[in-house]
PDB file of all heavy atoms in Angstrom:
ATOM      1  N   PHE A   1     -79.282  17.947 208.985  1.00  0.00           N
ATOM      2  CA  PHE A   1     -80.414  17.130 208.543  1.00  0.00           C
ATOM      3  C   PHE A   1     -81.554  17.044 209.542  1.00  0.00           C
ATOM      4  O   PHE A   1     -82.579  16.419 209.259  1.00  0.00           O
ATOM      5  CB  PHE A   1     -79.918  15.722 208.203  1.00  0.00           C
ATOM      6  CG  PHE A   1     -78.869  15.708 207.125  1.00  0.00           C
ATOM      7  CD1 PHE A   1     -77.548  15.417 207.440  1.00  0.00           C
ATOM      8  CD2 PHE A   1     -79.193  16.019 205.811  1.00  0.00           C
ATOM      9  CE1 PHE A   1     -76.568  15.410 206.459  1.00  0.00           C
ATOM     10  CE2 PHE A   1     -78.213  16.007 204.820  1.00  0.00           C
ATOM     11  CZ  PHE A   1     -76.899  15.708 205.139  1.00  0.00           C
ATOM     12  N   ALA A   2     -81.397  17.670 210.704  1.00  0.00           N
ATOM     13  CA  ALA A   2     -82.492  17.632 211.685  1.00  0.00           C
ATOM     14  C   ALA A   2     -82.776  19.032 212.210  1.00  0.00           C
ATOM     15  O   ALA A   2     -83.625  19.750 211.683  1.00  0.00           O
ATOM     16  CB  ALA A   2     -82.158  16.677 212.832  1.00  0.00           C
ATOM     17  N   SER A   3     -82.033  19.462 213.228  1.00  0.00           N
ATOM     18  CA  SER A   3     -82.308  20.755 213.837  1.00  0.00           C
ATOM     19  C   SER A   3     -81.085  21.268 214.573  1.00  0.00           C
ATOM     20  O   SER A   3     -80.393  20.495 215.252  1.00  0.00           O
ATOM     21  CB  SER A   3     -83.468  20.622 214.834  1.00  0.00           C
ATOM     22  OG  SER A   3     -83.514  21.712 215.715  1.00  0.00           O
ATOM     23  N   PRO A   4     -80.771  22.573 214.461  1.00  0.00           N
ATOM     24  CA  PRO A   4     -79.647  23.130 215.224  1.00  0.00           C
ATOM     25  C   PRO A   4     -79.881  23.070 216.732  1.00  0.00           C
ATOM     26  O   PRO A   4     -78.919  23.092 217.512  1.00  0.00           O
ATOM     27  CB  PRO A   4     -79.552  24.579 214.735  1.00  0.00           C
ATOM     28  CG  PRO A   4     -80.887  24.882 214.154  1.00  0.00           C
ATOM     29  CD  PRO A   4     -81.393  23.587 213.595  1.00  0.00           C
ATOM     30  N   ILE A   5     -81.128  22.983 217.152  1.00  0.00           N
ATOM     31  CA  ILE A   5     -81.409  22.858 218.585  1.00  0.00           C
ATOM     32  C   ILE A   5     -80.926  21.507 219.100  1.00  0.00           C
ATOM     33  O   ILE A   5     -80.280  21.412 220.145  1.00  0.00           O
ATOM     34  CB  ILE A   5     -82.918  23.044 218.870  1.00  0.00           C
ATOM     35  CG1 ILE A   5     -83.339  24.479 218.538  1.00  0.00           C
ATOM     36  CG2 ILE A   5     -83.231  22.718 220.323  1.00  0.00           C
ATOM     37  CD1 ILE A   5     -84.820  24.750 218.734  1.00  0.00           C
ATOM     38  N   ILE A   6     -81.232  20.456 218.349  1.00  0.00           N
ATOM     39  CA  ILE A   6     -80.745  19.120 218.725  1.00  0.00           C
ATOM     40  C   ILE A   6     -79.219  19.097 218.686  1.00  0.00           C
ATOM     41  O   ILE A   6     -78.564  18.522 219.553  1.00  0.00           O
ATOM     42  CB  ILE A   6     -81.338  18.041 217.795  1.00  0.00           C
ATOM     43  CG1 ILE A   6     -82.859  18.007 217.913  1.00  0.00           C
ATOM     44  CG2 ILE A   6     -80.746  16.673 218.126  1.00  0.00           C
ATOM     45  CD1 ILE A   6     -83.524  17.061 216.957  1.00  0.00           C
ATOM     46  N   SER A   7     -78.654  19.749 217.663  1.00  0.00           N
ATOM     47  CA  SER A   7     -77.190  19.835 217.545  1.00  0.00           C
ATOM     48  C   SER A   7     -76.587  20.505 218.772  1.00  0.00           C
ATOM     49  O   SER A   7     -75.580  20.032 219.325  1.00  0.00           O
ATOM     50  CB  SER A   7     -76.824  20.623 216.287  1.00  0.00           C
ATOM     51  OG  SER A   7     -75.424  20.788 216.196  1.00  0.00           O
ATOM     52  N   LEU A   8     -77.204  21.585 219.218  1.00  0.00           N
ATOM     53  CA  LEU A   8     -76.709  22.300 220.403  1.00  0.00           C
ATOM     54  C   LEU A   8     -76.765  21.423 221.643  1.00  0.00           C
ATOM     55  O   LEU A   8     -75.820  21.393 222.444  1.00  0.00           O
ATOM     56  CB  LEU A   8     -77.532  23.568 220.621  1.00  0.00           C
ATOM     57  CG  LEU A   8     -77.155  24.418 221.846  1.00  0.00           C
ATOM     58  CD1 LEU A   8     -75.734  24.951 221.714  1.00  0.00           C
ATOM     59  CD2 LEU A   8     -78.154  25.553 222.042  1.00  0.00           C
ATOM     60  N   ILE A   9     -77.850  20.695 221.801  1.00  0.00           N
ATOM     61  CA  ILE A   9     -77.996  19.796 222.955  1.00  0.00           C
ATOM     62  C   ILE A   9     -76.895  18.745 222.960  1.00  0.00           C
ATOM     63  O   ILE A   9     -76.279  18.459 223.997  1.00  0.00           O
ATOM     64  CB  ILE A   9     -79.393  19.140 222.950  1.00  0.00           C
ATOM     65  CG1 ILE A   9     -80.478  20.199 223.210  1.00  0.00           C
ATOM     66  CG2 ILE A   9     -79.473  18.028 223.987  1.00  0.00           C
ATOM     67  CD1 ILE A   9     -81.890  19.691 223.013  1.00  0.00           C
ATOM     68  N   LEU A  10     -76.605  18.185 221.783  1.00  0.00           N
ATOM     69  CA  LEU A  10     -75.566  17.153 221.684  1.00  0.00           C
ATOM     70  C   LEU A  10     -74.190  17.721 222.038  1.00  0.00           C
ATOM     71  O   LEU A  10     -73.401  17.074 222.748  1.00  0.00           O
ATOM     72  CB  LEU A  10     -75.544  16.573 220.271  1.00  0.00           C
ATOM     73  CG  LEU A  10     -76.695  15.619 219.918  1.00  0.00           C
ATOM     74  CD1 LEU A  10     -76.696  15.317 218.424  1.00  0.00           C
ATOM     75  CD2 LEU A  10     -76.572  14.323 220.723  1.00  0.00           C
ATOM     76  N   VAL A  11     -73.886  18.922 221.556  1.00  0.00           N
ATOM     77  CA  VAL A  11     -72.588  19.526 221.849  1.00  0.00           C
ATOM     78  C   VAL A  11     -72.439  19.782 223.347  1.00  0.00           C
ATOM     79  O   VAL A  11     -71.395  19.497 223.946  1.00  0.00           O
ATOM     80  CB  VAL A  11     -72.403  20.842 221.078  1.00  0.00           C
ATOM     81  CG1 VAL A  11     -71.098  21.515 221.497  1.00  0.00           C
ATOM     82  CG2 VAL A  11     -72.372  20.580 219.585  1.00  0.00           C
ATOM     83  N   ILE A  12     -73.485  20.309 223.961  1.00  0.00           N
ATOM     84  CA  ILE A  12     -73.435  20.572 225.406  1.00  0.00           C
ATOM     85  C   ILE A  12     -73.250  19.276 226.182  1.00  0.00           C
ATOM     86  O   ILE A  12     -72.446  19.208 227.126  1.00  0.00           O
ATOM     87  CB  ILE A  12     -74.718  21.301 225.860  1.00  0.00           C
ATOM     88  CG1 ILE A  12     -74.747  22.716 225.264  1.00  0.00           C
ATOM     89  CG2 ILE A  12     -74.797  21.364 227.384  1.00  0.00           C
ATOM     90  CD1 ILE A  12     -76.037  23.460 225.512  1.00  0.00           C
ATOM     91  N   LEU A  13     -73.956  18.231 225.783  1.00  0.00           N
ATOM     92  CA  LEU A  13     -73.798  16.928 226.444  1.00  0.00           C
ATOM     93  C   LEU A  13     -72.367  16.415 226.307  1.00  0.00           C
ATOM     94  O   LEU A  13     -71.821  15.810 227.234  1.00  0.00           O
ATOM     95  CB  LEU A  13     -74.781  15.918 225.850  1.00  0.00           C
ATOM     96  CG  LEU A  13     -76.258  16.091 226.223  1.00  0.00           C
ATOM     97  CD1 LEU A  13     -77.123  15.095 225.443  1.00  0.00           C
ATOM     98  CD2 LEU A  13     -76.461  15.911 227.718  1.00  0.00           C
ATOM     99  N   GLY A  14     -71.752  16.653 225.143  1.00  0.00           N
ATOM    100  CA  GLY A  14     -70.376  16.221 224.934  1.00  0.00           C
ATOM    101  C   GLY A  14     -69.380  17.004 225.767  1.00  0.00           C
ATOM    102  O   GLY A  14     -68.377  16.464 226.245  1.00  0.00           O
ATOM    103  N   PHE A  15     -69.667  18.286 225.961  1.00  0.00           N
ATOM    104  CA  PHE A  15     -68.768  19.152 226.723  1.00  0.00           C
ATOM    105  C   PHE A  15     -68.772  18.823 228.219  1.00  0.00           C
ATOM    106  O   PHE A  15     -67.745  18.925 228.889  1.00  0.00           O
ATOM    107  CB  PHE A  15     -69.175  20.615 226.557  1.00  0.00           C
ATOM    108  CG  PHE A  15     -68.283  21.385 225.628  1.00  0.00           C
ATOM    109  CD1 PHE A  15     -68.803  21.976 224.485  1.00  0.00           C
ATOM    110  CD2 PHE A  15     -66.934  21.523 225.893  1.00  0.00           C
ATOM    111  CE1 PHE A  15     -67.987  22.694 223.621  1.00  0.00           C
ATOM    112  CE2 PHE A  15     -66.105  22.248 225.044  1.00  0.00           C
ATOM    113  CZ  PHE A  15     -66.636  22.828 223.900  1.00  0.00           C
ATOM    114  N   ILE A  16     -69.920  18.456 228.760  1.00  0.00           N
ATOM    115  CA  ILE A  16     -70.065  18.319 230.211  1.00  0.00           C
ATOM    116  C   ILE A  16     -69.052  17.347 230.825  1.00  0.00           C
ATOM    117  O   ILE A  16     -68.302  17.727 231.737  1.00  0.00           O
ATOM    118  CB  ILE A  16     -71.510  17.924 230.585  1.00  0.00           C
ATOM    119  CG1 ILE A  16     -72.447  19.116 230.333  1.00  0.00           C
ATOM    120  CG2 ILE A  16     -71.591  17.490 232.042  1.00  0.00           C
ATOM    121  CD1 ILE A  16     -73.923  18.783 230.494  1.00  0.00           C
ATOM    122  N   PRO A  17     -68.960  16.091 230.367  1.00  0.00           N
ATOM    123  CA  PRO A  17     -67.974  15.193 230.993  1.00  0.00           C
ATOM    124  C   PRO A  17     -66.530  15.593 230.699  1.00  0.00           C
ATOM    125  O   PRO A  17     -65.642  15.373 231.525  1.00  0.00           O
ATOM    126  CB  PRO A  17     -68.313  13.822 230.411  1.00  0.00           C
ATOM    127  CG  PRO A  17     -69.006  14.120 229.125  1.00  0.00           C
ATOM    128  CD  PRO A  17     -69.769  15.389 229.355  1.00  0.00           C
ATOM    129  N   LEU A  18     -66.280  16.177 229.517  1.00  0.00           N
ATOM    130  CA  LEU A  18     -64.924  16.619 229.192  1.00  0.00           C
ATOM    131  C   LEU A  18     -64.456  17.671 230.196  1.00  0.00           C
ATOM    132  O   LEU A  18     -63.349  17.592 230.741  1.00  0.00           O
ATOM    133  CB  LEU A  18     -64.880  17.184 227.770  1.00  0.00           C
ATOM    134  CG  LEU A  18     -63.516  17.607 227.208  1.00  0.00           C
ATOM    135  CD1 LEU A  18     -63.525  17.514 225.683  1.00  0.00           C
ATOM    136  CD2 LEU A  18     -63.126  19.035 227.600  1.00  0.00           C
ATOM    137  N   LEU A  19     -65.301  18.646 230.462  1.00  0.00           N
ATOM    138  CA  LEU A  19     -64.940  19.721 231.384  1.00  0.00           C
ATOM    139  C   LEU A  19     -64.859  19.243 232.831  1.00  0.00           C
ATOM    140  O   LEU A  19     -63.910  19.554 233.551  1.00  0.00           O
ATOM    141  CB  LEU A  19     -65.934  20.876 231.260  1.00  0.00           C
ATOM    142  CG  LEU A  19     -65.905  21.652 229.943  1.00  0.00           C
ATOM    143  CD1 LEU A  19     -67.049  22.657 229.898  1.00  0.00           C
ATOM    144  CD2 LEU A  19     -64.570  22.358 229.750  1.00  0.00           C
ATOM    145  N   LEU A  20     -65.864  18.474 233.253  1.00  0.00           N
ATOM    146  CA  LEU A  20     -65.917  18.079 234.658  1.00  0.00           C
ATOM    147  C   LEU A  20     -64.891  17.005 235.002  1.00  0.00           C
ATOM    148  O   LEU A  20     -64.248  17.067 236.058  1.00  0.00           O
ATOM    149  CB  LEU A  20     -67.326  17.611 235.018  1.00  0.00           C
ATOM    150  CG  LEU A  20     -68.418  18.694 234.976  1.00  0.00           C
ATOM    151  CD1 LEU A  20     -69.762  18.109 235.361  1.00  0.00           C
ATOM    152  CD2 LEU A  20     -68.071  19.853 235.904  1.00  0.00           C
ATOM    153  N   GLU A  21     -64.718  16.011 234.144  1.00  0.00           N
ATOM    154  CA  GLU A  21     -63.776  14.926 234.437  1.00  0.00           C
ATOM    155  C   GLU A  21     -62.339  15.320 234.103  1.00  0.00           C
ATOM    156  O   GLU A  21     -61.460  15.274 234.957  1.00  0.00           O
ATOM    157  CB  GLU A  21     -64.154  13.663 233.653  1.00  0.00           C
ATOM    158  CG  GLU A  21     -65.295  12.869 234.263  1.00  0.00           C
ATOM    159  CD  GLU A  21     -64.875  12.024 235.465  1.00  0.00           C
ATOM    160  OE1 GLU A  21     -63.665  11.909 235.735  1.00  0.00           O
ATOM    161  OE2 GLU A  21     -65.765  11.482 236.137  1.00  0.00           O
ATOM    162  N   PHE A  22     -62.070  15.700 232.863  1.00  0.00           N
ATOM    163  CA  PHE A  22     -60.702  15.878 232.396  1.00  0.00           C
ATOM    164  C   PHE A  22     -60.108  17.228 232.781  1.00  0.00           C
ATOM    165  O   PHE A  22     -58.936  17.321 233.138  1.00  0.00           O
ATOM    166  CB  PHE A  22     -60.633  15.708 230.879  1.00  0.00           C
ATOM    167  CG  PHE A  22     -59.231  15.744 230.339  1.00  0.00           C
ATOM    168  CD1 PHE A  22     -58.338  14.718 230.619  1.00  0.00           C
ATOM    169  CD2 PHE A  22     -58.797  16.801 229.554  1.00  0.00           C
ATOM    170  CE1 PHE A  22     -57.038  14.752 230.130  1.00  0.00           C
ATOM    171  CE2 PHE A  22     -57.502  16.846 229.059  1.00  0.00           C
ATOM    172  CZ  PHE A  22     -56.626  15.815 229.342  1.00  0.00           C
ATOM    173  N   VAL A  23     -60.905  18.288 232.716  1.00  0.00           N
ATOM    174  CA  VAL A  23     -60.387  19.619 233.012  1.00  0.00           C
ATOM    175  C   VAL A  23     -60.417  19.909 234.510  1.00  0.00           C
ATOM    176  O   VAL A  23     -59.433  20.375 235.090  1.00  0.00           O
ATOM    177  CB  VAL A  23     -61.172  20.699 232.242  1.00  0.00           C
ATOM    178  CG1 VAL A  23     -60.690  22.098 232.629  1.00  0.00           C
ATOM    179  CG2 VAL A  23     -61.018  20.493 230.733  1.00  0.00           C
ATOM    180  N   MET A  24     -61.543  19.590 235.184  1.00  0.00           N
ATOM    181  CA  MET A  24     -61.710  19.958 236.588  1.00  0.00           C
ATOM    182  C   MET A  24     -61.520  18.788 237.561  1.00  0.00           C
ATOM    183  O   MET A  24     -61.571  18.961 238.768  1.00  0.00           O
ATOM    184  CB  MET A  24     -63.090  20.581 236.786  1.00  0.00           C
ATOM    185  CG  MET A  24     -63.309  21.828 235.933  1.00  0.00           C
ATOM    186  SD  MET A  24     -64.945  22.554 236.144  1.00  0.00           S
ATOM    187  CE  MET A  24     -64.796  23.170 237.824  1.00  0.00           C
ATOM    188  N   TYR A  25     -61.314  17.566 237.029  1.00  0.00           N
ATOM    189  CA  TYR A  25     -61.034  16.386 237.848  1.00  0.00           C
ATOM    190  C   TYR A  25     -62.162  16.073 238.838  1.00  0.00           C
ATOM    191  O   TYR A  25     -61.925  15.587 239.936  1.00  0.00           O
ATOM    192  CB  TYR A  25     -59.709  16.559 238.592  1.00  0.00           C
ATOM    193  CG  TYR A  25     -58.492  16.337 237.724  1.00  0.00           C
ATOM    194  CD1 TYR A  25     -58.271  17.076 236.572  1.00  0.00           C
ATOM    195  CD2 TYR A  25     -57.547  15.371 238.057  1.00  0.00           C
ATOM    196  CE1 TYR A  25     -57.155  16.878 235.771  1.00  0.00           C
ATOM    197  CE2 TYR A  25     -56.422  15.159 237.272  1.00  0.00           C
ATOM    198  CZ  TYR A  25     -56.239  15.915 236.129  1.00  0.00           C
ATOM    199  OH  TYR A  25     -55.130  15.701 235.347  1.00  0.00           O
ATOM    200  N   LYS A  26     -63.389  16.357 238.450  1.00  0.00           N
ATOM    201  CA  LYS A  26     -64.535  15.991 239.276  1.00  0.00           C
ATOM    202  C   LYS A  26     -64.865  14.520 239.044  1.00  0.00           C
ATOM    203  O   LYS A  26     -64.663  13.986 237.951  1.00  0.00           O
ATOM    204  CB  LYS A  26     -65.760  16.846 238.930  1.00  0.00           C
ATOM    205  CG  LYS A  26     -65.566  18.348 239.084  1.00  0.00           C
ATOM    206  CD  LYS A  26     -65.495  18.752 240.538  1.00  0.00           C
ATOM    207  CE  LYS A  26     -65.451  20.269 240.677  1.00  0.00           C
ATOM    208  NZ  LYS A  26     -65.342  20.700 242.097  1.00  0.00           N
ATOM    209  N   GLN A  27     -65.397  13.865 240.056  1.00  0.00           N
ATOM    210  CA  GLN A  27     -65.792  12.461 239.906  1.00  0.00           C
ATOM    211  C   GLN A  27     -67.241  12.425 239.418  1.00  0.00           C
ATOM    212  O   GLN A  27     -68.147  11.987 240.119  1.00  0.00           O
ATOM    213  CB  GLN A  27     -65.600  11.744 241.240  1.00  0.00           C
ATOM    214  CG  GLN A  27     -64.141  11.748 241.690  1.00  0.00           C
ATOM    215  CD  GLN A  27     -63.908  11.056 243.018  1.00  0.00           C
ATOM    216  OE1 GLN A  27     -64.514  10.029 243.306  1.00  0.00           O
ATOM    217  NE2 GLN A  27     -63.040  11.622 243.837  1.00  0.00           N
ATOM    218  N   PHE A  28     -67.419  12.861 238.185  1.00  0.00           N
ATOM    219  CA  PHE A  28     -68.750  13.105 237.635  1.00  0.00           C
ATOM    220  C   PHE A  28     -69.395  11.837 237.076  1.00  0.00           C
ATOM    221  O   PHE A  28     -70.527  11.502 237.410  1.00  0.00           O
ATOM    222  CB  PHE A  28     -68.664  14.183 236.547  1.00  0.00           C
ATOM    223  CG  PHE A  28     -69.965  14.466 235.852  1.00  0.00           C
ATOM    224  CD1 PHE A  28     -71.038  14.992 236.564  1.00  0.00           C
ATOM    225  CD2 PHE A  28     -70.122  14.206 234.500  1.00  0.00           C
ATOM    226  CE1 PHE A  28     -72.252  15.253 235.922  1.00  0.00           C
ATOM    227  CE2 PHE A  28     -71.313  14.468 233.859  1.00  0.00           C
ATOM    228  CZ  PHE A  28     -72.381  14.998 234.568  1.00  0.00           C
ATOM    229  N   ILE A  29     -68.666  11.120 236.235  1.00  0.00           N
ATOM    230  CA  ILE A  29     -69.235   9.908 235.631  1.00  0.00           C
ATOM    231  C   ILE A  29     -68.655   8.638 236.250  1.00  0.00           C
ATOM    232  O   ILE A  29     -68.892   7.533 235.750  1.00  0.00           O
ATOM    233  CB  ILE A  29     -69.031   9.883 234.097  1.00  0.00           C
ATOM    234  CG1 ILE A  29     -67.527   9.940 233.742  1.00  0.00           C
ATOM    235  CG2 ILE A  29     -69.784  11.032 233.441  1.00  0.00           C
ATOM    236  CD1 ILE A  29     -67.254   9.765 232.261  1.00  0.00           C
ATOM    237  N   ASP A  30     -67.909   8.771 237.343  1.00  0.00           N
ATOM    238  CA  ASP A  30     -67.281   7.605 237.977  1.00  0.00           C
ATOM    239  C   ASP A  30     -68.252   6.466 238.284  1.00  0.00           C
ATOM    240  O   ASP A  30     -67.920   5.291 238.059  1.00  0.00           O
ATOM    241  CB  ASP A  30     -66.561   8.032 239.260  1.00  0.00           C
ATOM    242  CG  ASP A  30     -65.317   8.855 238.960  1.00  0.00           C
ATOM    243  OD1 ASP A  30     -65.392   9.719 238.073  1.00  0.00           O
ATOM    244  OD2 ASP A  30     -64.275   8.643 239.611  1.00  0.00           O
ATOM    245  N   PRO A  31     -69.445   6.751 238.813  1.00  0.00           N
ATOM    246  CA  PRO A  31     -70.355   5.648 239.151  1.00  0.00           C
ATOM    247  C   PRO A  31     -70.776   4.792 237.954  1.00  0.00           C
ATOM    248  O   PRO A  31     -71.292   3.685 238.133  1.00  0.00           O
ATOM    249  CB  PRO A  31     -71.574   6.373 239.746  1.00  0.00           C
ATOM    250  CG  PRO A  31     -71.029   7.660 240.257  1.00  0.00           C
ATOM    251  CD  PRO A  31     -69.978   8.051 239.273  1.00  0.00           C
ATOM    252  N   LEU A  32     -70.539   5.279 236.740  1.00  0.00           N
ATOM    253  CA  LEU A  32     -70.909   4.518 235.541  1.00  0.00           C
ATOM    254  C   LEU A  32     -69.873   3.443 235.209  1.00  0.00           C
ATOM    255  O   LEU A  32     -70.104   2.619 234.323  1.00  0.00           O
ATOM    256  CB  LEU A  32     -71.059   5.463 234.337  1.00  0.00           C
ATOM    257  CG  LEU A  32     -72.117   6.571 234.465  1.00  0.00           C
ATOM    258  CD1 LEU A  32     -72.106   7.447 233.220  1.00  0.00           C
ATOM    259  CD2 LEU A  32     -73.500   5.976 234.701  1.00  0.00           C
ATOM    260  N   PHE A  33     -68.751   3.441 235.914  1.00  0.00           N
ATOM    261  CA  PHE A  33     -67.662   2.516 235.613  1.00  0.00           C
ATOM    262  C   PHE A  33     -67.380   1.602 236.811  1.00  0.00           C
ATOM    263  O   PHE A  33     -67.722   1.925 237.946  1.00  0.00           O
ATOM    264  CB  PHE A  33     -66.397   3.294 235.243  1.00  0.00           C
ATOM    265  CG  PHE A  33     -66.522   4.070 233.959  1.00  0.00           C
ATOM    266  CD1 PHE A  33     -67.124   5.317 233.943  1.00  0.00           C
ATOM    267  CD2 PHE A  33     -66.062   3.541 232.762  1.00  0.00           C
ATOM    268  CE1 PHE A  33     -67.255   6.036 232.766  1.00  0.00           C
ATOM    269  CE2 PHE A  33     -66.194   4.244 231.583  1.00  0.00           C
ATOM    270  CZ  PHE A  33     -66.790   5.495 231.577  1.00  0.00           C
ATOM    271  N   ILE A  34     -66.745   0.482 236.531  1.00  0.00           N
ATOM    272  CA  ILE A  34     -66.451  -0.525 237.554  1.00  0.00           C
ATOM    273  C   ILE A  34     -65.485   0.046 238.591  1.00  0.00           C
ATOM    274  O   ILE A  34     -64.517   0.736 238.254  1.00  0.00           O
ATOM    275  CB  ILE A  34     -65.841  -1.781 236.911  1.00  0.00           C
ATOM    276  CG1 ILE A  34     -66.848  -2.430 235.962  1.00  0.00           C
ATOM    277  CG2 ILE A  34     -65.399  -2.783 237.972  1.00  0.00           C
ATOM    278  CD1 ILE A  34     -66.270  -3.570 235.141  1.00  0.00           C
ATOM    279  N   ALA A  35     -65.735  -0.236 239.858  1.00  0.00           N
ATOM    280  CA  ALA A  35     -64.863   0.210 240.944  1.00  0.00           C
ATOM    281  C   ALA A  35     -63.787  -0.840 241.224  1.00  0.00           C
ATOM    282  O   ALA A  35     -64.047  -2.040 241.168  1.00  0.00           O
ATOM    283  CB  ALA A  35     -65.684   0.466 242.207  1.00  0.00           C
ATOM    284  N   HIS A  36     -62.598  -0.371 241.526  1.00  0.00           N
ATOM    285  CA  HIS A  36     -61.472  -1.242 241.875  1.00  0.00           C
ATOM    286  C   HIS A  36     -60.844  -0.738 243.169  1.00  0.00           C
ATOM    287  O   HIS A  36     -60.859   0.468 243.437  1.00  0.00           O
ATOM    288  CB  HIS A  36     -60.414  -1.231 240.770  1.00  0.00           C
ATOM    289  CG  HIS A  36     -60.901  -1.686 239.432  1.00  0.00           C
ATOM    290  ND1 HIS A  36     -60.893  -3.000 239.044  1.00  0.00           N
ATOM    291  CD2 HIS A  36     -61.436  -0.998 238.396  1.00  0.00           C
ATOM    292  CE1 HIS A  36     -61.383  -3.107 237.815  1.00  0.00           C
ATOM    293  NE2 HIS A  36     -61.729  -1.901 237.408  1.00  0.00           N
ATOM    294  N   PRO A  37     -60.273  -1.628 243.957  1.00  0.00           N
ATOM    295  CA  PRO A  37     -59.555  -1.166 245.155  1.00  0.00           C
ATOM    296  C   PRO A  37     -58.217  -0.543 244.770  1.00  0.00           C
ATOM    297  O   PRO A  37     -57.469  -1.096 243.956  1.00  0.00           O
ATOM    298  CB  PRO A  37     -59.360  -2.457 245.965  1.00  0.00           C
ATOM    299  CG  PRO A  37     -59.374  -3.551 244.941  1.00  0.00           C
ATOM    300  CD  PRO A  37     -60.307  -3.095 243.863  1.00  0.00           C
ATOM    301  N   SER A  38     -57.940   0.612 245.320  1.00  0.00           N
ATOM    302  CA  SER A  38     -56.642   1.249 245.155  1.00  0.00           C
ATOM    303  C   SER A  38     -56.157   1.637 246.547  1.00  0.00           C
ATOM    304  O   SER A  38     -56.919   1.545 247.518  1.00  0.00           O
ATOM    305  CB  SER A  38     -56.757   2.469 244.246  1.00  0.00           C
ATOM    306  OG  SER A  38     -55.474   2.990 243.926  1.00  0.00           O
ATOM    307  N   HIS A  39     -54.898   2.072 246.653  1.00  0.00           N
ATOM    308  CA  HIS A  39     -54.315   2.260 247.983  1.00  0.00           C
ATOM    309  C   HIS A  39     -53.370   3.454 248.040  1.00  0.00           C
ATOM    310  O   HIS A  39     -52.799   3.859 247.018  1.00  0.00           O
ATOM    311  CB  HIS A  39     -53.540   1.000 248.406  1.00  0.00           C
ATOM    312  CG  HIS A  39     -54.367  -0.240 248.406  1.00  0.00           C
ATOM    313  ND1 HIS A  39     -54.638  -0.955 247.244  1.00  0.00           N
ATOM    314  CD2 HIS A  39     -55.002  -0.896 249.420  1.00  0.00           C
ATOM    315  CE1 HIS A  39     -55.404  -2.000 247.549  1.00  0.00           C
ATOM    316  NE2 HIS A  39     -55.631  -1.987 248.848  1.00  0.00           N
TER     317      HIS A  39
END
């Protein structure tokens, strides 16, 4: 209903955190969440 270009942008945006956080274990979006002390 809009444009395949916008669709492509959305898919790429969805892929980025999935690949970096879950697949590669990078601390990519960590700053967006509350920090807790761990040990």
